PDB file of N, CA and C in Angstrom:
ATOM      1  N   MET A   1       7.348  -1.300  32.808  1.00  0.00           N
ATOM      2  CA  MET A   1       7.297  -0.582  31.546  1.00  0.00           C
ATOM      3  C   MET A   1       5.945  -0.822  30.878  1.00  0.00           C
ATOM      4  N   LEU A   2       5.342   0.241  30.426  1.00  0.00           N
ATOM      5  CA  LEU A   2       4.071   0.166  29.726  1.00  0.00           C
ATOM      6  C   LEU A   2       4.343  -0.094  28.244  1.00  0.00           C
ATOM      7  N   TYR A   3       3.753  -1.153  27.733  1.00  0.00           N
ATOM      8  CA  TYR A   3       3.907  -1.499  26.316  1.00  0.00           C
ATOM      9  C   TYR A   3       2.927  -0.644  25.521  1.00  0.00           C
ATOM     10  N   THR A   4       3.431   0.123  24.578  1.00  0.00           N
ATOM     11  CA  THR A   4       2.603   1.086  23.859  1.00  0.00           C
ATOM     12  C   THR A   4       2.282   0.623  22.433  1.00  0.00           C
ATOM     13  N   SER A   5       1.270   1.219  21.866  1.00  0.00           N
ATOM     14  CA  SER A   5       0.910   0.941  20.471  1.00  0.00           C
ATOM     15  C   SER A   5       2.061   1.286  19.548  1.00  0.00           C
ATOM     16  N   ARG A   6       2.723   2.356  19.853  1.00  0.00           N
ATOM     17  CA  ARG A   6       3.851   2.800  19.022  1.00  0.00           C
ATOM     18  C   ARG A   6       4.978   1.763  19.022  1.00  0.00           C
ATOM     19  N   LEU A   7       5.287   1.219  20.186  1.00  0.00           N
ATOM     20  CA  LEU A   7       6.330   0.202  20.284  1.00  0.00           C
ATOM     21  C   LEU A   7       5.898  -1.085  19.576  1.00  0.00           C
ATOM     22  N   PHE A   8       4.658  -1.488  19.791  1.00  0.00           N
ATOM     23  CA  PHE A   8       4.141  -2.682  19.115  1.00  0.00           C
ATOM     24  C   PHE A   8       4.212  -2.503  17.598  1.00  0.00           C
ATOM     25  N   ALA A   9       3.820  -1.353  17.115  1.00  0.00           N
ATOM     26  CA  ALA A   9       3.837  -1.092  15.673  1.00  0.00           C
ATOM     27  C   ALA A   9       5.248  -1.160  15.106  1.00  0.00           C
ATOM     28  N   ALA A  10       6.195  -0.553  15.811  1.00  0.00           N
ATOM     29  CA  ALA A  10       7.587  -0.580  15.351  1.00  0.00           C
ATOM     30  C   ALA A  10       8.113  -2.015  15.328  1.00  0.00           C
ATOM     31  N   GLU A  11       7.817  -2.775  16.368  1.00  0.00           N
ATOM     32  CA  GLU A  11       8.253  -4.176  16.419  1.00  0.00           C
ATOM     33  C   GLU A  11       7.576  -5.002  15.331  1.00  0.00           C
ATOM     34  N   LEU A  12       6.318  -4.719  15.060  1.00  0.00           N
ATOM     35  CA  LEU A  12       5.581  -5.435  14.014  1.00  0.00           C
ATOM     36  C   LEU A  12       6.224  -5.198  12.649  1.00  0.00           C
ATOM     37  N   LEU A  13       6.570  -3.964  12.361  1.00  0.00           N
ATOM     38  CA  LEU A  13       7.223  -3.664  11.079  1.00  0.00           C
ATOM     39  C   LEU A  13       8.558  -4.387  10.958  1.00  0.00           C
ATOM     40  N   VAL A  14       9.307  -4.433  12.033  1.00  0.00           N
ATOM     41  CA  VAL A  14      10.587  -5.153  12.031  1.00  0.00           C
ATOM     42  C   VAL A  14      10.343  -6.644  11.830  1.00  0.00           C
ATOM     43  N   GLU A  15       9.342  -7.175  12.502  1.00  0.00           N
ATOM     44  CA  GLU A  15       9.044  -8.610  12.409  1.00  0.00           C
ATOM     45  C   GLU A  15       8.605  -9.003  11.002  1.00  0.00           C
ATOM     46  N   VAL A  16       7.859  -8.155  10.341  1.00  0.00           N
ATOM     47  CA  VAL A  16       7.453  -8.425   8.959  1.00  0.00           C
ATOM     48  C   VAL A  16       8.701  -8.557   8.081  1.00  0.00           C
ATOM     49  N   GLU A  17       9.600  -7.610   8.194  1.00  0.00           N
ATOM     50  CA  GLU A  17      10.810  -7.630   7.371  1.00  0.00           C
ATOM     51  C   GLU A  17      11.740  -8.780   7.754  1.00  0.00           C
ATOM     52  N   ARG A  18      11.854  -9.051   9.047  1.00  0.00           N
ATOM     53  CA  ARG A  18      12.704 -10.155   9.503  1.00  0.00           C
ATOM     54  C   ARG A  18      12.229 -11.479   8.925  1.00  0.00           C
ATOM     55  N   GLY A  19      10.941 -11.676   8.914  1.00  0.00           N
ATOM     56  CA  GLY A  19      10.392 -12.903   8.360  1.00  0.00           C
ATOM     57  C   GLY A  19      10.708 -13.060   6.888  1.00  0.00           C
ATOM     58  N   LEU A  20      10.644 -11.974   6.156  1.00  0.00           N
ATOM     59  CA  LEU A  20      10.929 -12.031   4.726  1.00  0.00           C
ATOM     60  C   LEU A  20      12.400 -12.319   4.458  1.00  0.00           C
ATOM     61  N   VAL A  21      13.273 -11.725   5.259  1.00  0.00           N
ATOM     62  CA  VAL A  21      14.712 -11.876   5.051  1.00  0.00           C
ATOM     63  C   VAL A  21      15.222 -13.212   5.584  1.00  0.00           C
ATOM     64  N   GLN A  22      14.914 -13.517   6.829  1.00  0.00           N
ATOM     65  CA  GLN A  22      15.454 -14.723   7.452  1.00  0.00           C
ATOM     66  C   GLN A  22      14.850 -16.000   6.894  1.00  0.00           C
ATOM     67  N   LEU A  23      13.586 -15.966   6.624  1.00  0.00           N
ATOM     68  CA  LEU A  23      12.938 -17.175   6.134  1.00  0.00           C
ATOM     69  C   LEU A  23      13.121 -17.350   4.639  1.00  0.00           C
ATOM     70  N   ASP A  24      13.520 -16.257   3.978  1.00  0.00           N
ATOM     71  CA  ASP A  24      13.744 -16.293   2.533  1.00  0.00           C
ATOM     72  C   ASP A  24      12.595 -17.006   1.820  1.00  0.00           C
ATOM     73  N   SER A  25      11.407 -16.617   2.187  1.00  0.00           N
ATOM     74  CA  SER A  25      10.234 -17.258   1.604  1.00  0.00           C
ATOM     75  C   SER A  25       9.104 -16.245   1.457  1.00  0.00           C
ATOM     76  N   ALA A  26       7.978 -16.738   1.074  1.00  0.00           N
ATOM     77  CA  ALA A  26       6.803 -15.886   0.909  1.00  0.00           C
ATOM     78  C   ALA A  26       6.347 -15.366   2.278  1.00  0.00           C
ATOM     79  N   PHE A  27       5.601 -14.313   2.257  1.00  0.00           N
ATOM     80  CA  PHE A  27       5.028 -13.717   3.456  1.00  0.00           C
ATOM     81  C   PHE A  27       4.150 -14.749   4.168  1.00  0.00           C
ATOM     82  N   ASP A  28       4.301 -14.867   5.481  1.00  0.00           N
ATOM     83  CA  ASP A  28       3.560 -15.850   6.272  1.00  0.00           C
ATOM     84  C   ASP A  28       2.757 -15.146   7.373  1.00  0.00           C
ATOM     85  N   PRO A  29       1.473 -14.854   7.121  1.00  0.00           N
ATOM     86  CA  PRO A  29       0.673 -14.157   8.118  1.00  0.00           C
ATOM     87  C   PRO A  29       0.455 -14.976   9.392  1.00  0.00           C
ATOM     88  N   VAL A  30       0.443 -16.292   9.287  1.00  0.00           N
ATOM     89  CA  VAL A  30       0.251 -17.133  10.474  1.00  0.00           C
ATOM     90  C   VAL A  30       1.424 -16.954  11.444  1.00  0.00           C
ATOM     91  N   ARG A  31       2.631 -16.867  10.920  1.00  0.00           N
ATOM     92  CA  ARG A  31       3.801 -16.647  11.765  1.00  0.00           C
ATOM     93  C   ARG A  31       3.671 -15.324  12.520  1.00  0.00           C
ATOM     94  N   LEU A  32       3.158 -14.295  11.850  1.00  0.00           N
ATOM     95  CA  LEU A  32       2.958 -13.007  12.519  1.00  0.00           C
ATOM     96  C   LEU A  32       1.890 -13.104  13.599  1.00  0.00           C
ATOM     97  N   GLY A  33       0.859 -13.898  13.350  1.00  0.00           N
ATOM     98  CA  GLY A  33      -0.168 -14.114  14.365  1.00  0.00           C
ATOM     99  C   GLY A  33       0.413 -14.748  15.614  1.00  0.00           C
ATOM    100  N   HIS A  34       1.258 -15.742  15.433  1.00  0.00           N
ATOM    101  CA  HIS A  34       1.929 -16.388  16.571  1.00  0.00           C
ATOM    102  C   HIS A  34       2.828 -15.389  17.301  1.00  0.00           C
ATOM    103  N   TRP A  35       3.555 -14.595  16.538  1.00  0.00           N
ATOM    104  CA  TRP A  35       4.429 -13.585  17.130  1.00  0.00           C
ATOM    105  C   TRP A  35       3.612 -12.610  17.989  1.00  0.00           C
ATOM    106  N   ALA A  36       2.477 -12.124  17.452  1.00  0.00           N
ATOM    107  CA  ALA A  36       1.641 -11.165  18.184  1.00  0.00           C
ATOM    108  C   ALA A  36       1.077 -11.793  19.460  1.00  0.00           C
ATOM    109  N   THR A  37       0.735 -13.062  19.413  1.00  0.00           N
ATOM    110  CA  THR A  37       0.254 -13.746  20.611  1.00  0.00           C
ATOM    111  C   THR A  37       1.348 -13.771  21.672  1.00  0.00           C
ATOM    112  N   GLY A  38       2.569 -14.019  21.258  1.00  0.00           N
ATOM    113  CA  GLY A  38       3.692 -13.995  22.189  1.00  0.00           C
ATOM    114  C   GLY A  38       3.898 -12.633  22.822  1.00  0.00           C
ATOM    115  N   ARG A  39       3.764 -11.585  22.025  1.00  0.00           N
ATOM    116  CA  ARG A  39       3.912 -10.221  22.551  1.00  0.00           C
ATOM    117  C   ARG A  39       2.790  -9.922  23.541  1.00  0.00           C
ATOM    118  N   TYR A  40       1.582 -10.342  23.210  1.00  0.00           N
ATOM    119  CA  TYR A  40       0.437 -10.128  24.106  1.00  0.00           C
ATOM    120  C   TYR A  40       0.697 -10.804  25.453  1.00  0.00           C
ATOM    121  N   LEU A  41       1.093 -12.065  25.405  1.00  0.00           N
ATOM    122  CA  LEU A  41       1.337 -12.810  26.647  1.00  0.00           C
ATOM    123  C   LEU A  41       2.481 -12.210  27.455  1.00  0.00           C
ATOM    124  N   ALA A  42       3.457 -11.658  26.789  1.00  0.00           N
ATOM    125  CA  ALA A  42       4.593 -11.047  27.483  1.00  0.00           C
ATOM    126  C   ALA A  42       4.199  -9.760  28.211  1.00  0.00           C
ATOM    127  N   TYR A  43       3.182  -9.062  27.712  1.00  0.00           N
ATOM    128  CA  TYR A  43       2.834  -7.751  28.266  1.00  0.00           C
ATOM    129  C   TYR A  43       1.419  -7.651  28.824  1.00  0.00           C
ATOM    130  N   VAL A  44       0.716  -8.760  28.931  1.00  0.00           N
ATOM    131  CA  VAL A  44      -0.654  -8.707  29.444  1.00  0.00           C
ATOM    132  C   VAL A  44      -0.653  -8.017  30.820  1.00  0.00           C
ATOM    133  N   GLY A  45      -1.556  -7.065  30.979  1.00  0.00           N
ATOM    134  CA  GLY A  45      -1.626  -6.300  32.218  1.00  0.00           C
ATOM    135  C   GLY A  45      -0.679  -5.121  32.287  1.00  0.00           C
ATOM    136  N   ARG A  46       0.198  -4.988  31.288  1.00  0.00           N
ATOM    137  CA  ARG A  46       1.169  -3.885  31.288  1.00  0.00           C
ATOM    138  C   ARG A  46       1.190  -3.197  29.927  1.00  0.00           C
ATOM    139  N   MET A  47       0.007  -3.014  29.344  1.00  0.00           N
ATOM    140  CA  MET A  47      -0.026  -2.377  28.029  1.00  0.00           C
ATOM    141  C   MET A  47      -0.990  -1.196  28.000  1.00  0.00           C
ATOM    142  N   GLU A  48      -0.707  -0.325  27.083  1.00  0.00           N
ATOM    143  CA  GLU A  48      -1.515   0.871  26.856  1.00  0.00           C
ATOM    144  C   GLU A  48      -2.968   0.486  26.594  1.00  0.00           C
ATOM    145  N   GLU A  49      -3.868   1.307  27.072  1.00  0.00           N
ATOM    146  CA  GLU A  49      -5.293   1.049  26.867  1.00  0.00           C
ATOM    147  C   GLU A  49      -5.605   0.989  25.361  1.00  0.00           C
ATOM    148  N   GLY A  50      -6.349  -0.019  24.963  1.00  0.00           N
ATOM    149  CA  GLY A  50      -6.728  -0.190  23.565  1.00  0.00           C
ATOM    150  C   GLY A  50      -5.756  -1.024  22.750  1.00  0.00           C
ATOM    151  N   LEU A  51      -4.553  -1.237  23.279  1.00  0.00           N
ATOM    152  CA  LEU A  51      -3.560  -1.996  22.522  1.00  0.00           C
ATOM    153  C   LEU A  51      -3.951  -3.455  22.363  1.00  0.00           C
ATOM    154  N   ALA A  52      -4.569  -4.041  23.350  1.00  0.00           N
ATOM    155  CA  ALA A  52      -4.961  -5.458  23.259  1.00  0.00           C
ATOM    156  C   ALA A  52      -5.855  -5.697  22.047  1.00  0.00           C
ATOM    157  N   ASP A  53      -6.759  -4.787  21.766  1.00  0.00           N
ATOM    158  CA  ASP A  53      -7.638  -4.926  20.594  1.00  0.00           C
ATOM    159  C   ASP A  53      -6.837  -4.851  19.298  1.00  0.00           C
ATOM    160  N   ARG A  54      -5.875  -3.966  19.240  1.00  0.00           N
ATOM    161  CA  ARG A  54      -5.037  -3.849  18.040  1.00  0.00           C
ATOM    162  C   ARG A  54      -4.181  -5.094  17.862  1.00  0.00           C
ATOM    163  N   MET A  55      -3.666  -5.600  18.963  1.00  0.00           N
ATOM    164  CA  MET A  55      -2.858  -6.815  18.904  1.00  0.00           C
ATOM    165  C   MET A  55      -3.700  -7.997  18.417  1.00  0.00           C
ATOM    166  N   GLN A  56      -4.941  -8.043  18.856  1.00  0.00           N
ATOM    167  CA  GLN A  56      -5.822  -9.143  18.462  1.00  0.00           C
ATOM    168  C   GLN A  56      -6.035  -9.162  16.949  1.00  0.00           C
ATOM    169  N   THR A  57      -6.031  -8.015  16.329  1.00  0.00           N
ATOM    170  CA  THR A  57      -6.158  -7.955  14.866  1.00  0.00           C
ATOM    171  C   THR A  57      -5.050  -8.766  14.205  1.00  0.00           C
ATOM    172  N   ILE A  58      -3.845  -8.664  14.739  1.00  0.00           N
ATOM    173  CA  ILE A  58      -2.715  -9.424  14.189  1.00  0.00           C
ATOM    174  C   ILE A  58      -2.758 -10.871  14.674  1.00  0.00           C
ATOM    175  N   GLN A  59      -3.136 -11.087  15.918  1.00  0.00           N
ATOM    176  CA  GLN A  59      -3.238 -12.451  16.442  1.00  0.00           C
ATOM    177  C   GLN A  59      -4.205 -13.299  15.609  1.00  0.00           C
ATOM    178  N   LEU A  60      -5.262 -12.707  15.136  1.00  0.00           N
ATOM    179  CA  LEU A  60      -6.269 -13.449  14.367  1.00  0.00           C
ATOM    180  C   LEU A  60      -5.729 -14.003  13.056  1.00  0.00           C
ATOM    181  N   LEU A  61      -4.595 -13.501  12.610  1.00  0.00           N
ATOM    182  CA  LEU A  61      -4.009 -14.005  11.364  1.00  0.00           C
ATOM    183  C   LEU A  61      -3.727 -15.501  11.449  1.00  0.00           C
ATOM    184  N   GLU A  62      -3.522 -16.016  12.659  1.00  0.00           N
ATOM    185  CA  GLU A  62      -3.227 -17.432  12.823  1.00  0.00           C
ATOM    186  C   GLU A  62      -4.484 -18.298  12.817  1.00  0.00           C
ATOM    187  N   ASP A  63      -5.651 -17.684  12.788  1.00  0.00           N
ATOM    188  CA  ASP A  63      -6.903 -18.436  12.900  1.00  0.00           C
ATOM    189  C   ASP A  63      -7.532 -18.847  11.581  1.00  0.00           C
ATOM    190  N   GLY A  64      -6.944 -18.472  10.481  1.00  0.00           N
ATOM    191  CA  GLY A  64      -7.470 -18.933   9.203  1.00  0.00           C
ATOM    192  C   GLY A  64      -7.482 -17.867   8.141  1.00  0.00           C
ATOM    193  N   PRO A  65      -7.687 -18.302   6.911  1.00  0.00           N
ATOM    194  CA  PRO A  65      -7.625 -17.385   5.772  1.00  0.00           C
ATOM    195  C   PRO A  65      -8.677 -16.275   5.809  1.00  0.00           C
ATOM    196  N   GLU A  66      -9.773 -16.495   6.511  1.00  0.00           N
ATOM    197  CA  GLU A  66     -10.799 -15.453   6.574  1.00  0.00           C
ATOM    198  C   GLU A  66     -10.336 -14.228   7.362  1.00  0.00           C
ATOM    199  N   PHE A  67      -9.254 -14.373   8.122  1.00  0.00           N
ATOM    200  CA  PHE A  67      -8.715 -13.264   8.904  1.00  0.00           C
ATOM    201  C   PHE A  67      -7.424 -12.701   8.323  1.00  0.00           C
ATOM    202  N   GLU A  68      -6.943 -13.266   7.228  1.00  0.00           N
ATOM    203  CA  GLU A  68      -5.666 -12.849   6.659  1.00  0.00           C
ATOM    204  C   GLU A  68      -5.696 -11.420   6.151  1.00  0.00           C
ATOM    205  N   MET A  69      -4.537 -10.806   6.230  1.00  0.00           N
ATOM    206  CA  MET A  69      -4.302  -9.472   5.686  1.00  0.00           C
ATOM    207  C   MET A  69      -3.072  -9.598   4.791  1.00  0.00           C
ATOM    208  N   SER A  70      -3.010  -8.764   3.790  1.00  0.00           N
ATOM    209  CA  SER A  70      -1.824  -8.778   2.929  1.00  0.00           C
ATOM    210  C   SER A  70      -0.679  -8.084   3.657  1.00  0.00           C
ATOM    211  N   ILE A  71       0.505  -8.262   3.138  1.00  0.00           N
ATOM    212  CA  ILE A  71       1.669  -7.611   3.744  1.00  0.00           C
ATOM    213  C   ILE A  71       1.516  -6.087   3.703  1.00  0.00           C
ATOM    214  N   ASP A  72       0.939  -5.575   2.640  1.00  0.00           N
ATOM    215  CA  ASP A  72       0.727  -4.124   2.542  1.00  0.00           C
ATOM    216  C   ASP A  72      -0.300  -3.648   3.559  1.00  0.00           C
ATOM    217  N   GLN A  73      -1.334  -4.427   3.796  1.00  0.00           N
ATOM    218  CA  GLN A  73      -2.347  -4.078   4.799  1.00  0.00           C
ATOM    219  C   GLN A  73      -1.740  -4.063   6.201  1.00  0.00           C
ATOM    220  N   ILE A  74      -0.871  -5.027   6.478  1.00  0.00           N
ATOM    221  CA  ILE A  74      -0.238  -5.088   7.798  1.00  0.00           C
ATOM    222  C   ILE A  74       0.711  -3.906   7.980  1.00  0.00           C
ATOM    223  N   ARG A  75       1.455  -3.596   6.961  1.00  0.00           N
ATOM    224  CA  ARG A  75       2.363  -2.435   7.047  1.00  0.00           C
ATOM    225  C   ARG A  75       1.560  -1.151   7.290  1.00  0.00           C
ATOM    226  N   ALA A  76       0.460  -0.973   6.565  1.00  0.00           N
ATOM    227  CA  ALA A  76      -0.382   0.216   6.747  1.00  0.00           C
ATOM    228  C   ALA A  76      -0.984   0.251   8.140  1.00  0.00           C
ATOM    229  N   PHE A  77      -1.423  -0.898   8.634  1.00  0.00           N
ATOM    230  CA  PHE A  77      -1.983  -1.019   9.981  1.00  0.00           C
ATOM    231  C   PHE A  77      -0.947  -0.568  11.011  1.00  0.00           C
ATOM    232  N   ALA A  78       0.274  -1.060  10.873  1.00  0.00           N
ATOM    233  CA  ALA A  78       1.342  -0.704  11.824  1.00  0.00           C
ATOM    234  C   ALA A  78       1.705   0.780  11.710  1.00  0.00           C
ATOM    235  N   LYS A  79       1.847   1.267  10.505  1.00  0.00           N
ATOM    236  CA  LYS A  79       2.235   2.668  10.311  1.00  0.00           C
ATOM    237  C   LYS A  79       1.189   3.630  10.867  1.00  0.00           C
ATOM    238  N   ALA A  80      -0.068   3.223  10.857  1.00  0.00           N
ATOM    239  CA  ALA A  80      -1.132   4.067  11.409  1.00  0.00           C
ATOM    240  C   ALA A  80      -1.012   4.213  12.934  1.00  0.00           C
ATOM    241  N   MET A  81      -0.316   3.287  13.569  1.00  0.00           N
ATOM    242  CA  MET A  81      -0.126   3.348  15.027  1.00  0.00           C
ATOM    243  C   MET A  81       1.118   4.143  15.426  1.00  0.00           C
ATOM    244  N   LEU A  82       1.979   4.436  14.469  1.00  0.00           N
ATOM    245  CA  LEU A  82       3.229   5.159  14.778  1.00  0.00           C
ATOM    246  C   LEU A  82       2.971   6.634  15.016  1.00  0.00           C
TER     247      LEU A  82
END
């Protein structure tokens, strides 16, 4: 199965909401970065062309505040891929 940008975006939107509901806490961009790294590793070599670069945008959230995006920015980023 080819992992597509559309599927990644849909999963990202779900993951954002899941984190807010299940963790019952503030938005955690680092957790999303870890999640995106897991998705990348699960599909490396089996993803749509260009998706790795988009995934890296989210993966970088775990590397420090200089790479952080707000929850609204992440939602817009994901929706642009749908």
